[in-house]
C-alpha atoms as a PDB file:
ATOM      1  CA  MET A   1      -8.580   0.929  23.226  1.00  0.00           C
ATOM      2  CA  SER A   2     -11.413  -1.581  23.500  1.00  0.00           C
ATOM      3  CA  LYS A   3     -11.552  -1.692  19.688  1.00  0.00           C
ATOM      4  CA  LEU A   4      -7.972  -2.978  19.603  1.00  0.00           C
ATOM      5  CA  LEU A   5      -8.886  -5.872  21.896  1.00  0.00           C
ATOM      6  CA  ASP A   6     -12.004  -6.849  19.939  1.00  0.00           C
ATOM      7  CA  TYR A   7     -11.876 -10.442  18.670  1.00  0.00           C
ATOM      8  CA  ASP A   8     -13.243  -9.579  15.205  1.00  0.00           C
ATOM      9  CA  PHE A   9     -10.754  -6.740  14.785  1.00  0.00           C
ATOM     10  CA  LEU A  10      -7.808  -8.938  15.758  1.00  0.00           C
ATOM     11  CA  LEU A  11      -8.996 -11.769  13.516  1.00  0.00           C
ATOM     12  CA  ASN A  12      -9.383  -9.367  10.576  1.00  0.00           C
ATOM     13  CA  LEU A  13      -5.952  -7.890  11.288  1.00  0.00           C
ATOM     14  CA  CYS A  14      -4.309 -11.330  11.352  1.00  0.00           C
ATOM     15  CA  LEU A  15      -6.120 -12.474   8.218  1.00  0.00           C
ATOM     16  CA  GLN A  16      -5.149  -9.361   6.254  1.00  0.00           C
ATOM     17  CA  THR A  17      -1.560  -9.639   7.453  1.00  0.00           C
ATOM     18  CA  VAL A  18      -1.198 -13.272   6.398  1.00  0.00           C
ATOM     19  CA  CYS A  19      -2.888 -12.663   3.043  1.00  0.00           C
ATOM     20  CA  ALA A  20      -0.640  -9.677   2.371  1.00  0.00           C
ATOM     21  CA  ALA A  21       2.429 -11.847   2.963  1.00  0.00           C
ATOM     22  CA  PHE A  22       1.228 -14.343   0.361  1.00  0.00           C
ATOM     23  CA  ILE A  23       0.355 -11.573  -2.098  1.00  0.00           C
ATOM     24  CA  ALA A  24       3.800  -9.984  -1.739  1.00  0.00           C
ATOM     25  CA  VAL A  25       5.582 -13.292  -2.294  1.00  0.00           C
ATOM     26  CA  ALA A  26       3.422 -14.163  -5.297  1.00  0.00           C
ATOM     27  CA  PHE A  27       4.085 -10.779  -6.866  1.00  0.00           C
ATOM     28  CA  ALA A  28       7.810 -11.078  -6.197  1.00  0.00           C
ATOM     29  CA  MET A  29       7.855 -14.487  -7.849  1.00  0.00           C
ATOM     30  CA  LEU A  30       6.481 -12.895 -11.035  1.00  0.00           C
ATOM     31  CA  PHE A  31       9.711 -10.916 -11.235  1.00  0.00           C
ATOM     32  CA  ALA A  32      11.959 -13.908 -10.528  1.00  0.00           C
ATOM     33  CA  VAL A  33      13.193 -12.657  -7.164  1.00  0.00           C
ATOM     34  CA  PRO A  34      15.668 -15.168  -5.656  1.00  0.00           C
ATOM     35  CA  ARG A  35      14.188 -17.632  -3.165  1.00  0.00           C
ATOM     36  CA  LYS A  36      16.393 -16.504  -0.316  1.00  0.00           C
ATOM     37  CA  LEU A  37      14.757 -13.047  -0.454  1.00  0.00           C
ATOM     38  CA  LEU A  38      11.135 -14.235  -0.407  1.00  0.00           C
ATOM     39  CA  LEU A  39      11.057 -14.462   3.384  1.00  0.00           C
ATOM     40  CA  TYR A  40      12.093 -10.798   3.670  1.00  0.00           C
ATOM     41  CA  ILE A  41       9.402  -9.842   1.172  1.00  0.00           C
ATOM     42  CA  ALA A  42       6.744 -11.860   3.005  1.00  0.00           C
ATOM     43  CA  ILE A  43       7.614 -10.226   6.310  1.00  0.00           C
ATOM     44  CA  SER A  44       7.654  -6.791   4.723  1.00  0.00           C
ATOM     45  CA  GLY A  45       4.347  -7.293   2.913  1.00  0.00           C
ATOM     46  CA  ALA A  46       2.746  -8.465   6.135  1.00  0.00           C
ATOM     47  CA  GLN A  47       4.264  -5.592   8.103  1.00  0.00           C
ATOM     48  CA  VAL A  48       3.019  -2.952   5.668  1.00  0.00           C
ATOM     49  CA  ARG A  49      -0.526  -4.299   5.700  1.00  0.00           C
ATOM     50  CA  PHE A  50      -0.440  -4.771   9.486  1.00  0.00           C
ATOM     51  CA  VAL A  51       0.607  -1.165  10.113  1.00  0.00           C
ATOM     52  CA  ARG A  52      -1.921   0.251   7.662  1.00  0.00           C
ATOM     53  CA  THR A  53      -4.812  -1.850   8.977  1.00  0.00           C
ATOM     54  CA  LEU A  54      -3.901  -1.104  12.582  1.00  0.00           C
ATOM     55  CA  LEU A  55      -3.784   2.634  11.927  1.00  0.00           C
ATOM     56  CA  LEU A  56      -6.853   2.634   9.686  1.00  0.00           C
ATOM     57  CA  ASN A  57      -9.191   0.438  11.703  1.00  0.00           C
ATOM     58  CA  GLY A  58      -7.650   0.554  15.163  1.00  0.00           C
ATOM     59  CA  PHE A  59      -6.801   4.230  15.511  1.00  0.00           C
ATOM     60  CA  ASP A  60      -9.159   5.699  12.856  1.00  0.00           C
ATOM     61  CA  VAL A  61      -6.353   7.361  10.897  1.00  0.00           C
ATOM     62  CA  PRO A  62      -7.475   8.285   7.341  1.00  0.00           C
ATOM     63  CA  ILE A  63      -6.531   5.740   4.676  1.00  0.00           C
ATOM     64  CA  VAL A  64      -4.135   8.047   2.810  1.00  0.00           C
ATOM     65  CA  VAL A  65      -2.189   8.935   5.953  1.00  0.00           C
ATOM     66  CA  SER A  66      -2.116   5.350   7.237  1.00  0.00           C
ATOM     67  CA  THR A  67      -0.912   4.119   3.832  1.00  0.00           C
ATOM     68  CA  PHE A  68       1.830   6.750   3.801  1.00  0.00           C
ATOM     69  CA  ILE A  69       3.012   5.834   7.313  1.00  0.00           C
ATOM     70  CA  ALA A  70       2.985   2.089   6.583  1.00  0.00           C
ATOM     71  CA  CYS A  71       4.979   2.507   3.360  1.00  0.00           C
ATOM     72  CA  ALA A  72       7.407   4.945   4.964  1.00  0.00           C
ATOM     73  CA  VAL A  73       8.117   2.511   7.819  1.00  0.00           C
ATOM     74  CA  MET A  74       8.801  -0.238   5.281  1.00  0.00           C
ATOM     75  CA  SER A  75      10.971   2.044   3.147  1.00  0.00           C
ATOM     76  CA  ILE A  76      13.055   3.161   6.126  1.00  0.00           C
ATOM     77  CA  GLY A  77      13.479  -0.445   7.216  1.00  0.00           C
ATOM     78  CA  PHE A  78      14.862  -1.493   3.850  1.00  0.00           C
ATOM     79  CA  ILE A  79      17.229   1.475   3.737  1.00  0.00           C
ATOM     80  CA  PHE A  80      19.122  -0.365   6.470  1.00  0.00           C
ATOM     81  CA  VAL A  81      18.392  -4.004   5.551  1.00  0.00           C
ATOM     82  CA  ALA A  82      18.981  -3.938   1.771  1.00  0.00           C
ATOM     83  CA  PRO A  83      22.679  -2.934   1.884  1.00  0.00           C
ATOM     84  CA  ARG A  84      23.412  -5.625   4.473  1.00  0.00           C
ATOM     85  CA  ILE A  85      22.121  -8.385   2.233  1.00  0.00           C
ATOM     86  CA  GLU A  86      23.484  -6.619  -0.873  1.00  0.00           C
ATOM     87  CA  VAL A  87      20.221  -6.296  -2.792  1.00  0.00           C
ATOM     88  CA  PRO A  88      18.652  -3.138  -4.257  1.00  0.00           C
ATOM     89  CA  ARG A  89      15.906  -1.696  -2.095  1.00  0.00           C
ATOM     90  CA  GLN A  90      13.413  -1.716  -4.978  1.00  0.00           C
ATOM     91  CA  VAL A  91      13.375  -5.517  -5.007  1.00  0.00           C
ATOM     92  CA  PHE A  92      11.629  -5.416  -1.646  1.00  0.00           C
ATOM     93  CA  THR A  93       9.585  -2.248  -1.795  1.00  0.00           C
ATOM     94  CA  VAL A  94       7.722  -2.944  -5.038  1.00  0.00           C
ATOM     95  CA  ALA A  95       6.511  -6.390  -4.013  1.00  0.00           C
ATOM     96  CA  SER A  96       5.724  -5.325  -0.451  1.00  0.00           C
ATOM     97  CA  ILE A  97       3.302  -2.543  -1.329  1.00  0.00           C
ATOM     98  CA  ILE A  98       1.245  -4.476  -3.856  1.00  0.00           C
ATOM     99  CA  SER A  99      -1.468  -5.303  -1.303  1.00  0.00           C
ATOM    100  CA  LEU A 100      -2.013  -1.582  -0.679  1.00  0.00           C
ATOM    101  CA  ILE A 101      -2.915  -0.710  -4.287  1.00  0.00           C
ATOM    102  CA  PRO A 102      -6.441   0.779  -4.277  1.00  0.00           C
ATOM    103  CA  GLY A 103      -8.061  -1.622  -6.731  1.00  0.00           C
ATOM    104  CA  MET A 104     -11.645  -1.250  -5.499  1.00  0.00           C
ATOM    105  CA  ASP A 105     -11.540   2.535  -5.702  1.00  0.00           C
ATOM    106  CA  ALA A 106     -10.176   2.422  -9.239  1.00  0.00           C
ATOM    107  CA  TYR A 107     -12.794  -0.180 -10.186  1.00  0.00           C
ATOM    108  CA  ASN A 108     -15.667   1.838  -8.697  1.00  0.00           C
ATOM    109  CA  CYS A 109     -14.429   4.952 -10.478  1.00  0.00           C
ATOM    110  CA  LEU A 110     -14.371   3.160 -13.831  1.00  0.00           C
ATOM    111  CA  VAL A 111     -17.780   1.537 -13.266  1.00  0.00           C
ATOM    112  CA  SER A 112     -19.289   4.947 -12.521  1.00  0.00           C
ATOM    113  CA  LEU A 113     -17.610   6.346 -15.616  1.00  0.00           C
ATOM    114  CA  ALA A 114     -18.992   3.517 -17.765  1.00  0.00           C
ATOM    115  CA  THR A 115     -22.449   4.038 -16.272  1.00  0.00           C
ATOM    116  CA  LEU A 116     -22.240   7.735 -17.066  1.00  0.00           C
ATOM    117  CA  ILE A 117     -21.106   7.085 -20.635  1.00  0.00           C
ATOM    118  CA  HIS A 118     -23.987   4.683 -21.279  1.00  0.00           C
ATOM    119  CA  LEU A 119     -26.447   7.223 -19.982  1.00  0.00           C
ATOM    120  CA  ASN A 120     -30.111   6.303 -19.749  1.00  0.00           C
ATOM    121  CA  GLU A 121     -33.098   7.780 -17.913  1.00  0.00           C
ATOM    122  CA  SER A 122     -32.552   5.852 -14.689  1.00  0.00           C
ATOM    123  CA  VAL A 123     -28.993   7.114 -14.128  1.00  0.00           C
ATOM    124  CA  ASN A 124     -28.496   9.873 -11.589  1.00  0.00           C
ATOM    125  CA  VAL A 125     -25.839  12.034 -13.271  1.00  0.00           C
ATOM    126  CA  ASN A 126     -24.885  13.902 -10.117  1.00  0.00           C
ATOM    127  CA  HIS A 127     -24.414  10.663  -8.177  1.00  0.00           C
ATOM    128  CA  GLU A 128     -22.222   9.162 -10.911  1.00  0.00           C
ATOM    129  CA  LEU A 129     -20.089  12.295 -11.203  1.00  0.00           C
ATOM    130  CA  LEU A 130     -19.665  12.405  -7.444  1.00  0.00           C
ATOM    131  CA  SER A 131     -18.733   8.718  -7.418  1.00  0.00           C
ATOM    132  CA  ILE A 132     -16.180   9.220 -10.202  1.00  0.00           C
ATOM    133  CA  PHE A 133     -14.617  12.136  -8.381  1.00  0.00           C
ATOM    134  CA  HIS A 134     -14.656  10.484  -4.931  1.00  0.00           C
ATOM    135  CA  HIS A 135     -13.228   7.116  -5.945  1.00  0.00           C
ATOM    136  CA  GLY A 136     -10.845   8.552  -8.538  1.00  0.00           C
ATOM    137  CA  MET A 137      -9.345  11.104  -6.172  1.00  0.00           C
ATOM    138  CA  ARG A 138      -9.121   8.588  -3.363  1.00  0.00           C
ATOM    139  CA  ALA A 139      -7.297   6.072  -5.601  1.00  0.00           C
ATOM    140  CA  PHE A 140      -4.994   8.856  -6.808  1.00  0.00           C
ATOM    141  CA  ALA A 141      -4.277  10.044  -3.257  1.00  0.00           C
ATOM    142  CA  ILE A 142      -3.475   6.515  -2.055  1.00  0.00           C
ATOM    143  CA  MET A 143      -1.146   5.896  -5.010  1.00  0.00           C
ATOM    144  CA  LEU A 144       0.521   9.259  -4.410  1.00  0.00           C
ATOM    145  CA  SER A 145       1.035   8.457  -0.725  1.00  0.00           C
ATOM    146  CA  ILE A 146       2.571   5.082  -1.635  1.00  0.00           C
ATOM    147  CA  SER A 147       4.912   6.727  -4.142  1.00  0.00           C
ATOM    148  CA  LEU A 148       5.989   9.494  -1.811  1.00  0.00           C
ATOM    149  CA  ALA A 149       6.463   7.164   1.144  1.00  0.00           C
ATOM    150  CA  ILE A 150       8.825   5.000  -0.881  1.00  0.00           C
ATOM    151  CA  ALA A 151      10.690   7.915  -2.481  1.00  0.00           C
ATOM    152  CA  ILE A 152      11.081  10.450   0.342  1.00  0.00           C
ATOM    153  CA  PRO A 153      12.858   8.492   3.143  1.00  0.00           C
ATOM    154  CA  PRO A 154      15.933   7.671   1.024  1.00  0.00           C
ATOM    155  CA  MET A 155      16.404  11.382   0.357  1.00  0.00           C
ATOM    156  CA  PHE A 156      17.083  11.931   4.047  1.00  0.00           C
ATOM    157  CA  PHE A 157      19.311   8.896   4.535  1.00  0.00           C
ATOM    158  CA  TYR A 158      21.262   9.123   1.294  1.00  0.00           C
ATOM    159  CA  GLN A 159      21.976  12.889   1.342  1.00  0.00           C
ATOM    160  CA  ASN A 160      25.749  12.568   1.341  1.00  0.00           C
ATOM    161  CA  ARG A 161      25.917   9.364  -0.643  1.00  0.00           C
ATOM    162  CA  PHE A 162      27.212  10.825  -3.907  1.00  0.00           C
ATOM    163  CA  LYS A 163      29.161  13.820  -2.625  1.00  0.00           C
ATOM    164  CA  LYS A 164      32.890  13.796  -3.291  1.00  0.00           C
ATOM    165  CA  SER A 165      35.084  14.187  -0.241  1.00  0.00           C
END
């Protein structure tokens, strides 16, 4: 509990939340999302990053699980919000999760792969293979958790949507 009240933790949490809001809006603007929806996207992008960072750093939940929970909360929220403002859910979900994409893990995996390909005497082959596997699987697991967290909640809420009465 004392970790949650730490000044550095709270400052980091606020900074990541604000930055995620800007990232979500910037990504949404690339796809010409209407201006009136940008506030929803900013709030959602901030909320997703806030939940993931809080779970990851505050409660020591593994990154894959915390990413899944954060995306699922956002997905469930837009199941109810999107129909009210008459916009497809995907408009919000795609831009909101962009700050959760595991870019550093993918980068480290590719750097280790490039180092292994350009093999010389100073390269530790076992270390590079381990790095490729660790970062590659972690990036894959995070992307899988994002995908499943966006796709699974609608299955529960839209079960009877297309059934004929």
